[in-house]
Amino acid sequence: MNFIQMKKKNMWNEQEMERLQAIVAEREEEFKRISRDLADRESDVTALLSELDKAEMKVKEKTKEMKRMQKQMDEIEKDNRDLQEEIMAYENT
């Protein structure tokens, strides 16, 4: 290989190196962008999970309240039945 061929090959290698460095720089920027997007999405997911936890707590509270109210209604219905029985017994005397 003579000097001119070596010089051409060296120039080609330098150009190829610059091209590859540009590709690496593009990939690094893309990686940074994807990393930022991922961090944003993680933040969104964390916020949604927090909202879900709050909603679950509200559902539990409402369920507990409904059970309490159902118990009260059952007691009222029992009291009504007892009163009706007393009225019927009174009317029969």
Protein backbone atom coordinates (compact mmCIF):
# COMPACT_ATOMS: atom_id res chain seq x y z
CA MET A 1 0.00 0.00 0.00
CA ASN A 2 1.53 3.28 -1.01
CA PHE A 3 1.35 6.58 0.82
CA ILE A 4 -1.60 7.96 -1.18
CA GLN A 5 -3.66 4.82 -0.60
CA MET A 6 -2.85 4.94 3.11
CA LYS A 7 -3.81 8.61 3.23
CA LYS A 8 -7.14 7.90 1.47
CA LYS A 9 -7.85 4.99 3.79
CA ASN A 10 -6.99 7.14 6.80
CA MET A 11 -9.34 9.90 5.56
CA TRP A 12 -12.09 7.33 5.00
CA ASN A 13 -11.52 5.98 8.51
CA GLU A 14 -11.73 9.50 9.94
CA GLN A 15 -14.94 10.19 8.02
CA GLU A 16 -16.40 6.88 9.17
CA MET A 17 -15.39 7.69 12.75
CA GLU A 18 -17.11 11.10 12.52
CA ARG A 19 -20.23 9.47 11.08
CA LEU A 20 -20.29 6.90 13.86
CA GLN A 21 -19.73 9.59 16.50
CA ALA A 22 -22.69 11.53 15.08
CA ILE A 23 -24.83 8.39 15.29
CA VAL A 24 -23.72 7.83 18.89
CA ALA A 25 -24.55 11.45 19.75
CA GLU A 26 -28.01 11.04 18.20
CA ARG A 27 -28.57 7.82 20.14
CA GLU A 28 -27.46 9.48 23.37
CA GLU A 29 -29.95 12.31 22.82
CA GLU A 30 -32.68 9.79 22.03
CA PHE A 31 -31.79 7.86 25.20
CA LYS A 32 -31.99 11.06 27.27
CA ARG A 33 -35.37 11.91 25.75
CA ILE A 34 -36.69 8.41 26.40
CA SER A 35 -35.35 8.54 29.96
CA ARG A 36 -37.16 11.85 30.57
CA ASP A 37 -40.37 10.45 29.08
CA LEU A 38 -40.05 7.37 31.27
CA ALA A 39 -39.52 9.50 34.37
CA ASP A 40 -42.62 11.53 33.48
CA ARG A 41 -44.66 8.39 32.98
CA GLU A 42 -43.39 6.93 36.26
CA SER A 43 -44.51 10.12 37.95
CA ASP A 44 -47.92 9.84 36.28
CA VAL A 45 -48.25 6.20 37.35
CA THR A 46 -47.29 7.11 40.92
CA ALA A 47 -49.96 9.82 40.96
CA LEU A 48 -52.55 7.41 39.55
CA LEU A 49 -51.65 4.78 42.14
CA SER A 50 -52.07 7.39 44.85
CA GLU A 51 -55.50 8.30 43.48
CA LEU A 52 -56.39 4.61 43.32
CA ASP A 53 -55.39 4.14 46.96
CA LYS A 54 -57.58 7.10 47.95
CA ALA A 55 -60.48 5.72 45.93
CA GLU A 56 -60.08 2.30 47.56
CA MET A 57 -60.15 3.91 50.99
CA LYS A 58 -63.34 5.79 50.06
CA VAL A 59 -64.92 2.56 48.82
CA LYS A 60 -64.02 0.83 52.08
CA GLU A 61 -65.46 3.73 54.08
CA LYS A 62 -68.66 3.76 52.01
CA THR A 63 -68.98 -0.03 52.31
CA LYS A 64 -68.59 0.22 56.07
CA GLU A 65 -71.16 3.03 56.15
CA MET A 66 -73.58 1.00 54.01
CA LYS A 67 -73.24 -2.00 56.33
CA ARG A 68 -73.91 0.23 59.32
CA MET A 69 -76.96 1.73 57.61
CA GLN A 70 -78.21 -1.73 56.61
CA LYS A 71 -77.91 -2.84 60.22
CA GLN A 72 -79.91 0.21 61.31
CA MET A 73 -82.57 -0.54 58.68
CA ASP A 74 -82.76 -4.15 59.85
CA GLU A 75 -83.24 -2.94 63.43
CA ILE A 76 -85.96 -0.50 62.32
CA GLU A 77 -87.73 -3.25 60.37
CA LYS A 78 -87.58 -5.52 63.41
CA ASP A 79 -88.95 -2.73 65.61
CA ASN A 80 -91.76 -2.17 63.07
CA ARG A 81 -92.62 -5.88 63.07
CA ASP A 82 -92.62 -5.91 66.87
CA LEU A 83 -94.90 -2.85 66.95
CA GLN A 84 -97.25 -4.41 64.39
CA GLU A 85 -97.43 -7.55 66.50
CA GLU A 86 -98.21 -5.46 69.58
CA ILE A 87 -100.91 -3.55 67.68
CA MET A 88 -102.45 -6.79 66.44
CA ALA A 89 -102.33 -8.27 69.94
CA TYR A 90 -103.95 -5.12 71.35
CA GLU A 91 -106.65 -5.13 68.68
CA ASN A 92 -107.42 -8.79 69.42
CA THR A 93 -108.07 -8.09 73.09
